[in-house]
Amino acid sequence: MTPVRHPYLDHPSPIAFAHRGGAADGTENTAAAFRRAAALGYRYFETDVHTTSDGKLVAFHDSTLDRVTDLSGRISELPWSEVRRARAGGGEPLPLFEDLLEEFPDARWNVDMKAEPALHPLLNLIGRTDSWDRVCVGSFSEARVARAHRLAGPRLATSYGVRGVLGLRMRSYGVPAPVRDGAVSAQVPQRQSGLPVVDRRFVRTAHSRGLQVHVWTVNEADRMHALLDLGVDGIMTDQLETLRTVFTERGVWH
């Protein structure tokens, strides 16, 4: 494997990611969830960001408050003064991503930009807090993450969007396909629409381009073992104890 040089990945592989801080107990993407993950020894956290109507970056997965909190409404249409009143998981407030960066100074963050309005506020925040080594930015939209990389340059770690992953998958079959230069990882599901995404061929192709392969969202121990046997470089999970146990059994818990 060609080593990836970005400081974000300066960590023994494989990497254990706490998906939304550990989404299994209903407190996903809250400070309480990330505190629990940190207490278990996790140092890589996955989260999502949306922008409020007044430009605040909220760590939250959905575009609306309805599913997870006791309030309703689209985050992009609400000011932070309203969004901050919402409670998830029986009483946990929603955090600003800036506050999470400050509270967990030793953590590294995998951040999914859920919508276009989050792009500039996120880059501005990373620059203002000098968090270039601590954040990897991704999105399902290849165009969005490519814009982020174009604006920030190589100091920003990025992963592939859907189009980049598809190009990498095609290349793994020997089919010429365009892929974006400058990404540090391919972050993918194990399967998509019933078809395998991650196999030895895919991992080998990614590694040949200096890319790490991070797989989401894996909650079963047998699947974790199988993916590690394929040589993946990271696993994102809701089941924090399960992944820690698997890594510990294999001697790769750092």
Foldseek 3Di string as FASTA:
>chain_A
DAADDFLLPPADFQAEEAEQLQPPQWQGVFPVSVVVLVVVPHQEYEFEWDAACVGFTWGDDDQWPPPFWPDTDGRNDHDPVVQQPTAGNVRTGTDTVLVVCVVRVRHAYEYEYEDLSVQVSVVVSCVVVVVLRRYEYEYLDQVSQVVSCVVPPLSHAYEGHVQQLVQLQCVLVVHHDDHDPRHAAHEEACADPNHGSDALSSCVSCVVNNHAYEYDDDEDLVVVVVNVVSPHGYYYYSNSVSVQVSCVVVVNRD
